[in-house]
Structures are given as C-alpha cells and as structure tokens.
C-alpha cells in the first residue's frame, strides 16, 4: 500500500511541479506581450516555488530515508499545501479579477477548464496518497 501512496504522491508532484513549467513558460503567461514586467516576475517566482517544492517532495518520497513514514507524511503535506494554494486562487478569482485560463485560448477537457481538470486529478491522487500515509503507523 505504501508503494501505491508513493506513486500517487509522485504523479501529483509532477502535475503541480513540472506541468506548469511546460505550460506557463510560454507566450500565454511569462512571455505574454501584454503582461507587465512585475506580473512576469511573480509568475516565474511561483513556477520556481512549485517546481522546487515538487523536487523536494520527490526527494522525500524516493531519496535517502525513504523508508521513514515521517518523510512520506511530510511529502504529503507539501503537496496538499501546494494544491490548496491553487484551489484558493481558483475560488478567490472573482475577488481579484483572475481567470483559470487565457480567455483567448481556453483549454477544455471533457467540458471542464483544463487547469481545473488537471489540478483536480492531482488533488484526487494527492488525497488518496495522503490518506494512505496518514493511516499507517509505520512502513
């Protein structure tokens, strides 16, 4: 069961750490001609934080001491916090004029916004993996 948890947490970390780098280091975000320089700075900062948290999470899951349940719990909390930040931004978007997608080129998956779909899948995997590691006393 712990191996399954590691895989679930790994896939979630790849989603919140690597996929945004691929999608957002493009003209739709960081290199968007209409974005002010300070907004670009914050976007690159956010991408860096997400990627580095994912790398640290993967190190906790697969690195030295990987047989320590405390490390897996720590990794699970980091993923939950990262995804909670995404969903907080989603739910508060109306209060700051935000949007899940670029309105000119929205990506939809099965009728759902692409970002919401991808991060919801990651949250489900994260939740399942987190549930497994927090219901075990030890490995």
N, C-alpha and C. Protein backbone atom coordinates (compact mmCIF):
# COMPACT_ATOMS: atom_id res chain seq x y z
N UNK A 1 0.82 -1.20 0.00
CA UNK A 1 0.00 0.00 0.00
C UNK A 1 0.86 1.26 0.00
N UNK A 2 2.00 1.21 0.70
CA UNK A 2 2.88 2.37 0.74
C UNK A 2 3.46 2.65 -0.64
N UNK A 3 3.76 1.60 -1.41
CA UNK A 3 4.27 1.81 -2.77
C UNK A 3 3.23 2.55 -3.62
N UNK A 4 1.97 2.20 -3.45
CA UNK A 4 0.90 2.90 -4.16
C UNK A 4 0.86 4.36 -3.75
N UNK A 5 0.98 4.62 -2.46
CA UNK A 5 0.98 6.01 -1.97
C UNK A 5 2.13 6.79 -2.58
N UNK A 6 3.30 6.18 -2.66
CA UNK A 6 4.46 6.87 -3.25
C UNK A 6 4.20 7.22 -4.71
N UNK A 7 3.60 6.30 -5.43
CA UNK A 7 3.29 6.55 -6.85
C UNK A 7 2.26 7.67 -6.98
N UNK A 8 1.21 7.62 -6.18
CA UNK A 8 0.17 8.66 -6.23
C UNK A 8 0.75 10.03 -5.92
N UNK A 9 1.56 10.11 -4.86
CA UNK A 9 2.17 11.39 -4.48
C UNK A 9 3.16 11.86 -5.54
N UNK A 10 3.84 10.93 -6.18
CA UNK A 10 4.78 11.29 -7.24
C UNK A 10 4.07 11.88 -8.45
N UNK A 11 3.00 11.24 -8.89
CA UNK A 11 2.26 11.75 -10.05
C UNK A 11 1.69 13.13 -9.74
N UNK A 12 1.16 13.31 -8.53
CA UNK A 12 0.64 14.63 -8.14
C UNK A 12 1.76 15.67 -8.16
N UNK A 13 2.94 15.33 -7.64
CA UNK A 13 4.06 16.27 -7.61
C UNK A 13 4.50 16.65 -9.03
N UNK A 14 4.48 15.70 -9.93
CA UNK A 14 4.83 16.01 -11.32
C UNK A 14 3.80 16.98 -11.90
N UNK A 15 2.53 16.76 -11.57
CA UNK A 15 1.48 17.66 -12.08
C UNK A 15 1.67 19.07 -11.55
N UNK A 16 1.85 19.25 -10.25
CA UNK A 16 1.93 20.62 -9.74
C UNK A 16 3.32 21.23 -9.85
N UNK A 17 4.35 20.41 -10.12
CA UNK A 17 5.70 20.94 -10.20
C UNK A 17 6.26 21.09 -11.60
N UNK A 18 5.96 20.14 -12.48
CA UNK A 18 6.55 20.16 -13.82
C UNK A 18 5.60 20.68 -14.90
N UNK A 19 4.35 20.26 -14.85
CA UNK A 19 3.41 20.66 -15.90
C UNK A 19 3.26 22.18 -15.99
N UNK A 20 3.12 22.91 -14.88
CA UNK A 20 3.03 24.37 -15.00
C UNK A 20 4.26 25.00 -15.67
N UNK A 21 5.44 24.44 -15.45
CA UNK A 21 6.63 24.96 -16.13
C UNK A 21 6.48 24.85 -17.64
N UNK A 22 6.00 23.71 -18.09
CA UNK A 22 5.84 23.47 -19.52
C UNK A 22 4.77 24.38 -20.11
N UNK A 23 3.67 24.52 -19.40
CA UNK A 23 2.53 25.28 -19.92
C UNK A 23 2.73 26.79 -19.77
N UNK A 24 3.31 27.23 -18.66
CA UNK A 24 3.33 28.66 -18.35
C UNK A 24 4.59 29.41 -18.78
N UNK A 25 5.64 28.70 -19.14
CA UNK A 25 6.83 29.39 -19.68
C UNK A 25 6.66 29.57 -21.19
N UNK A 26 5.53 30.16 -21.55
CA UNK A 26 5.15 30.36 -22.95
C UNK A 26 4.57 31.76 -23.11
N UNK A 27 4.13 32.06 -24.31
CA UNK A 27 3.52 33.36 -24.58
C UNK A 27 2.15 33.53 -23.93
N UNK A 28 1.58 32.45 -23.43
CA UNK A 28 0.28 32.58 -22.75
C UNK A 28 0.44 33.15 -21.34
N UNK A 29 1.66 33.07 -20.80
CA UNK A 29 1.88 33.56 -19.43
C UNK A 29 3.14 34.41 -19.34
N UNK A 30 4.26 33.79 -19.03
CA UNK A 30 5.50 34.53 -18.74
C UNK A 30 5.91 35.44 -19.90
N UNK A 31 5.77 34.97 -21.12
CA UNK A 31 6.19 35.77 -22.28
C UNK A 31 5.03 36.45 -23.00
N UNK A 32 3.90 36.59 -22.30
CA UNK A 32 2.75 37.27 -22.89
C UNK A 32 3.10 38.74 -23.09
N UNK A 33 2.92 39.26 -24.29
CA UNK A 33 3.34 40.63 -24.57
C UNK A 33 2.60 41.70 -23.75
N UNK A 34 1.41 41.40 -23.28
CA UNK A 34 0.64 42.38 -22.53
C UNK A 34 0.88 42.33 -21.02
N UNK A 35 1.64 41.35 -20.56
CA UNK A 35 1.89 41.24 -19.12
C UNK A 35 2.92 42.27 -18.69
N UNK A 36 2.65 42.99 -17.60
CA UNK A 36 3.67 43.91 -17.09
C UNK A 36 4.85 43.12 -16.50
N UNK A 37 6.04 43.72 -16.51
CA UNK A 37 7.23 43.02 -16.01
C UNK A 37 7.07 42.47 -14.59
N UNK A 38 6.38 43.21 -13.73
CA UNK A 38 6.24 42.74 -12.35
C UNK A 38 5.36 41.49 -12.27
N UNK A 39 4.33 41.42 -13.10
CA UNK A 39 3.49 40.21 -13.14
C UNK A 39 4.30 39.02 -13.63
N UNK A 40 5.18 39.25 -14.61
CA UNK A 40 6.04 38.17 -15.10
C UNK A 40 6.97 37.68 -13.99
N UNK A 41 7.51 38.62 -13.23
CA UNK A 41 8.38 38.28 -12.10
C UNK A 41 7.66 37.35 -11.13
N UNK A 42 6.43 37.72 -10.77
CA UNK A 42 5.67 36.89 -9.82
C UNK A 42 5.34 35.52 -10.40
N UNK A 43 5.08 35.47 -11.70
CA UNK A 43 4.78 34.18 -12.33
C UNK A 43 5.99 33.27 -12.30
N UNK A 44 7.16 33.81 -12.64
CA UNK A 44 8.39 32.99 -12.62
C UNK A 44 8.70 32.55 -11.19
N UNK A 45 8.47 33.44 -10.24
CA UNK A 45 8.68 33.10 -8.83
C UNK A 45 7.76 31.94 -8.44
N UNK A 46 6.48 32.05 -8.78
CA UNK A 46 5.52 30.99 -8.45
C UNK A 46 5.92 29.67 -9.10
N UNK A 47 6.32 29.72 -10.36
CA UNK A 47 6.74 28.49 -11.04
C UNK A 47 7.95 27.87 -10.35
N UNK A 48 8.88 28.71 -9.92
CA UNK A 48 10.06 28.22 -9.21
C UNK A 48 9.71 27.57 -7.89
N UNK A 49 8.83 28.21 -7.14
CA UNK A 49 8.41 27.65 -5.85
C UNK A 49 7.73 26.29 -6.06
N UNK A 50 6.81 26.22 -7.01
CA UNK A 50 6.12 24.96 -7.27
C UNK A 50 7.07 23.85 -7.70
N UNK A 51 8.00 24.18 -8.59
CA UNK A 51 8.95 23.18 -9.08
C UNK A 51 9.88 22.72 -7.97
N UNK A 52 10.38 23.66 -7.17
CA UNK A 52 11.30 23.29 -6.09
C UNK A 52 10.60 22.49 -5.00
N UNK A 53 9.36 22.84 -4.68
CA UNK A 53 8.60 22.04 -3.71
C UNK A 53 8.38 20.63 -4.24
N UNK A 54 8.10 20.52 -5.52
CA UNK A 54 7.90 19.19 -6.11
C UNK A 54 9.19 18.37 -6.07
N UNK A 55 10.33 19.01 -6.37
CA UNK A 55 11.62 18.31 -6.31
C UNK A 55 11.90 17.84 -4.89
N UNK A 56 11.65 18.71 -3.92
CA UNK A 56 11.87 18.33 -2.52
C UNK A 56 10.92 17.20 -2.12
N UNK A 57 9.68 17.29 -2.56
CA UNK A 57 8.71 16.23 -2.29
C UNK A 57 9.19 14.90 -2.86
N UNK A 58 9.66 14.91 -4.09
CA UNK A 58 10.16 13.67 -4.71
C UNK A 58 11.39 13.14 -3.97
N UNK A 59 12.23 14.04 -3.49
CA UNK A 59 13.40 13.60 -2.70
C UNK A 59 12.95 12.94 -1.40
N UNK A 60 11.92 13.48 -0.78
CA UNK A 60 11.40 12.87 0.45
C UNK A 60 10.80 11.50 0.17
N UNK A 61 10.14 11.36 -0.96
CA UNK A 61 9.48 10.10 -1.30
C UNK A 61 10.48 9.03 -1.71
N UNK A 62 11.46 9.39 -2.54
CA UNK A 62 12.33 8.39 -3.16
C UNK A 62 13.79 8.46 -2.71
N UNK A 63 14.16 9.47 -1.95
CA UNK A 63 15.57 9.65 -1.57
C UNK A 63 15.96 8.86 -0.34
N UNK A 64 17.14 9.18 0.21
CA UNK A 64 17.61 8.50 1.42
C UNK A 64 16.59 8.64 2.55
N UNK A 65 16.42 7.59 3.30
CA UNK A 65 15.44 7.61 4.40
C UNK A 65 14.02 7.39 3.92
N UNK A 66 13.87 6.95 2.67
CA UNK A 66 12.52 6.79 2.10
C UNK A 66 11.67 5.77 2.83
N UNK A 67 12.28 5.03 3.74
CA UNK A 67 11.50 4.05 4.49
C UNK A 67 10.93 4.66 5.77
N UNK A 68 11.08 5.95 5.92
CA UNK A 68 10.59 6.65 7.11
C UNK A 68 9.19 7.21 6.83
N UNK A 69 8.21 6.75 7.58
CA UNK A 69 6.83 7.21 7.38
C UNK A 69 6.72 8.71 7.59
N UNK A 70 7.55 9.26 8.48
CA UNK A 70 7.50 10.71 8.71
C UNK A 70 7.87 11.49 7.45
N UNK A 71 8.82 10.98 6.68
CA UNK A 71 9.19 11.65 5.43
C UNK A 71 8.03 11.63 4.43
N UNK A 72 7.34 10.52 4.35
CA UNK A 72 6.20 10.44 3.44
C UNK A 72 5.07 11.36 3.89
N UNK A 73 4.87 11.46 5.18
CA UNK A 73 3.84 12.37 5.69
C UNK A 73 4.21 13.82 5.38
N UNK A 74 5.48 14.14 5.57
CA UNK A 74 5.96 15.49 5.25
C UNK A 74 5.74 15.78 3.77
N UNK A 75 6.09 14.83 2.92
CA UNK A 75 5.89 14.99 1.48
C UNK A 75 4.42 15.19 1.15
N UNK A 76 3.56 14.45 1.83
CA UNK A 76 2.12 14.57 1.55
C UNK A 76 1.59 15.95 1.95
N UNK A 77 2.08 16.49 3.04
CA UNK A 77 1.64 17.82 3.48
C UNK A 77 2.06 18.89 2.47
N UNK A 78 3.29 18.79 1.98
CA UNK A 78 3.77 19.77 0.99
C UNK A 78 2.88 19.78 -0.25
N UNK A 79 2.52 18.61 -0.72
CA UNK A 79 1.63 18.53 -1.88
C UNK A 79 0.26 19.11 -1.59
N UNK A 80 -0.27 18.80 -0.42
CA UNK A 80 -1.59 19.34 -0.05
C UNK A 80 -1.57 20.86 0.01
N UNK A 81 -0.51 21.43 0.57
CA UNK A 81 -0.40 22.89 0.66
C UNK A 81 -0.31 23.53 -0.73
N UNK A 82 0.48 22.92 -1.60
CA UNK A 82 0.63 23.45 -2.95
C UNK A 82 -0.70 23.44 -3.69
N UNK A 83 -1.41 22.34 -3.60
CA UNK A 83 -2.71 22.23 -4.27
C UNK A 83 -3.76 23.12 -3.60
N UNK A 84 -3.69 23.27 -2.29
CA UNK A 84 -4.62 24.17 -1.59
C UNK A 84 -4.44 25.60 -2.08
N UNK A 85 -3.21 26.00 -2.35
CA UNK A 85 -2.96 27.35 -2.87
C UNK A 85 -3.61 27.53 -4.25
N UNK A 86 -3.52 26.50 -5.10
CA UNK A 86 -4.16 26.59 -6.41
C UNK A 86 -5.68 26.75 -6.26
N UNK A 87 -6.28 25.91 -5.42
CA UNK A 87 -7.74 25.99 -5.27
C UNK A 87 -8.18 27.26 -4.55
N UNK A 88 -7.35 27.80 -3.68
CA UNK A 88 -7.65 29.10 -3.06
C UNK A 88 -7.68 30.18 -4.13
N UNK A 89 -6.67 30.19 -5.00
CA UNK A 89 -6.64 31.17 -6.09
C UNK A 89 -7.86 31.00 -7.01
N UNK A 90 -8.26 29.76 -7.22
CA UNK A 90 -9.43 29.48 -8.06
C UNK A 90 -10.70 30.04 -7.44
N UNK A 91 -10.92 29.74 -6.17
CA UNK A 91 -12.15 30.17 -5.51
C UNK A 91 -12.19 31.68 -5.28
N UNK A 92 -11.04 32.32 -5.18
CA UNK A 92 -10.98 33.76 -4.94
C UNK A 92 -10.83 34.56 -6.23
N UNK A 93 -10.80 33.90 -7.38
CA UNK A 93 -10.53 34.58 -8.65
C UNK A 93 -11.46 35.77 -8.90
N UNK A 94 -12.71 35.63 -8.55
CA UNK A 94 -13.66 36.72 -8.77
C UNK A 94 -13.33 37.97 -7.97
N UNK A 95 -12.69 37.81 -6.84
CA UNK A 95 -12.38 38.96 -5.98
C UNK A 95 -11.18 39.76 -6.48
N UNK A 96 -10.34 39.17 -7.33
CA UNK A 96 -9.17 39.90 -7.82
C UNK A 96 -9.12 39.97 -9.35
N UNK A 97 -10.21 39.60 -10.00
CA UNK A 97 -10.28 39.67 -11.46
C UNK A 97 -9.47 38.60 -12.16
N UNK A 98 -9.27 37.47 -11.49
CA UNK A 98 -8.50 36.38 -12.07
C UNK A 98 -9.35 35.45 -12.92
N UNK A 99 -8.68 34.60 -13.65
CA UNK A 99 -9.35 33.63 -14.51
C UNK A 99 -8.51 32.36 -14.56
N UNK A 100 -9.15 31.22 -14.63
CA UNK A 100 -8.43 29.95 -14.71
C UNK A 100 -7.63 29.80 -15.99
N UNK A 101 -8.11 30.41 -17.07
CA UNK A 101 -7.47 30.24 -18.37
C UNK A 101 -7.37 31.56 -19.11
N UNK A 102 -6.48 31.58 -20.09
CA UNK A 102 -6.41 32.69 -21.02
C UNK A 102 -7.71 32.66 -21.82
N UNK A 103 -8.45 33.72 -21.77
CA UNK A 103 -9.77 33.73 -22.41
C UNK A 103 -9.67 33.61 -23.93
N UNK A 104 -8.53 33.99 -24.51
CA UNK A 104 -8.37 33.89 -25.97
C UNK A 104 -8.16 32.46 -26.43
N UNK A 105 -7.50 31.66 -25.60
CA UNK A 105 -7.20 30.27 -25.99
C UNK A 105 -7.47 29.31 -24.83
N UNK A 106 -8.73 29.23 -24.40
CA UNK A 106 -9.01 28.33 -23.27
C UNK A 106 -8.85 26.86 -23.67
N UNK A 107 -8.31 26.10 -22.75
CA UNK A 107 -8.16 24.65 -22.95
C UNK A 107 -9.24 23.97 -22.11
N UNK A 108 -10.00 23.09 -22.74
CA UNK A 108 -11.07 22.39 -22.03
C UNK A 108 -10.85 20.89 -22.17
N UNK A 109 -11.14 20.18 -21.10
CA UNK A 109 -11.05 18.72 -21.09
C UNK A 109 -12.41 18.21 -20.61
N UNK A 110 -13.09 17.48 -21.48
CA UNK A 110 -14.43 16.97 -21.17
C UNK A 110 -15.35 18.09 -20.67
N UNK A 111 -15.24 19.25 -21.29
CA UNK A 111 -16.09 20.39 -20.96
C UNK A 111 -15.67 21.17 -19.73
N UNK A 112 -14.56 20.80 -19.11
CA UNK A 112 -14.08 21.45 -17.89
C UNK A 112 -12.79 22.21 -18.22
N UNK A 113 -12.61 23.36 -17.60
CA UNK A 113 -11.37 24.11 -17.79
C UNK A 113 -10.17 23.19 -17.59
N UNK A 114 -9.19 23.28 -18.47
CA UNK A 114 -8.02 22.39 -18.43
C UNK A 114 -7.24 22.47 -17.13
N UNK A 115 -7.06 23.69 -16.61
CA UNK A 115 -6.35 23.83 -15.33
C UNK A 115 -7.13 23.16 -14.20
N UNK A 116 -8.43 23.44 -14.15
CA UNK A 116 -9.25 22.86 -13.09
C UNK A 116 -9.25 21.34 -13.19
N UNK A 117 -9.34 20.82 -14.41
CA UNK A 117 -9.33 19.37 -14.61
C UNK A 117 -8.02 18.76 -14.12
N UNK A 118 -6.89 19.31 -14.60
CA UNK A 118 -5.58 18.74 -14.27
C UNK A 118 -5.29 18.82 -12.77
N UNK A 119 -5.58 19.96 -12.16
CA UNK A 119 -5.30 20.10 -10.74
C UNK A 119 -6.29 19.32 -9.88
N UNK A 120 -7.51 19.09 -10.39
CA UNK A 120 -8.46 18.25 -9.66
C UNK A 120 -8.00 16.79 -9.66
N UNK A 121 -7.50 16.33 -10.80
CA UNK A 121 -6.94 14.97 -10.86
C UNK A 121 -5.77 14.86 -9.89
N UNK A 122 -4.88 15.86 -9.92
CA UNK A 122 -3.74 15.86 -8.99
C UNK A 122 -4.21 15.85 -7.55
N UNK A 123 -5.26 16.62 -7.24
CA UNK A 123 -5.77 16.67 -5.87
C UNK A 123 -6.36 15.33 -5.44
N UNK A 124 -7.02 14.65 -6.34
CA UNK A 124 -7.57 13.32 -6.01
C UNK A 124 -6.43 12.35 -5.72
N UNK A 125 -5.42 12.33 -6.59
CA UNK A 125 -4.27 11.45 -6.37
C UNK A 125 -3.55 11.82 -5.07
N UNK A 126 -3.38 13.12 -4.86
CA UNK A 126 -2.73 13.61 -3.64
C UNK A 126 -3.53 13.18 -2.41
N UNK A 127 -4.84 13.33 -2.47
CA UNK A 127 -5.68 12.95 -1.34
C UNK A 127 -5.61 11.46 -1.04
N UNK A 128 -5.63 10.65 -2.08
CA UNK A 128 -5.53 9.20 -1.87
C UNK A 128 -4.18 8.83 -1.27
N UNK A 129 -3.10 9.38 -1.84
CA UNK A 129 -1.76 9.09 -1.31
C UNK A 129 -1.60 9.58 0.12
N UNK A 130 -2.12 10.76 0.39
CA UNK A 130 -2.04 11.33 1.74
C UNK A 130 -2.82 10.46 2.72
N UNK A 131 -4.00 10.03 2.31
CA UNK A 131 -4.79 9.16 3.18
C UNK A 131 -4.07 7.88 3.54
N UNK A 132 -3.39 7.31 2.57
CA UNK A 132 -2.65 6.07 2.83
C UNK A 132 -1.54 6.30 3.84
N UNK A 133 -0.71 7.34 3.62
CA UNK A 133 0.45 7.51 4.51
C UNK A 133 0.04 7.97 5.91
N UNK A 134 -1.09 8.63 6.03
CA UNK A 134 -1.51 9.09 7.36
C UNK A 134 -2.31 8.04 8.12
N UNK A 135 -2.73 6.96 7.47
CA UNK A 135 -3.44 5.90 8.19
C UNK A 135 -2.52 4.74 8.55
N UNK A 136 -1.25 4.84 8.20
CA UNK A 136 -0.26 3.81 8.55
C UNK A 136 0.55 4.28 9.74
N UNK A 137 0.82 3.37 10.66
CA UNK A 137 1.66 3.72 11.81
C UNK A 137 3.13 3.71 11.44
N UNK A 138 3.49 2.82 10.56
CA UNK A 138 4.88 2.71 10.11
C UNK A 138 4.89 2.00 8.76
N UNK A 139 6.03 1.98 8.13
CA UNK A 139 6.14 1.32 6.82
C UNK A 139 6.25 -0.18 6.97
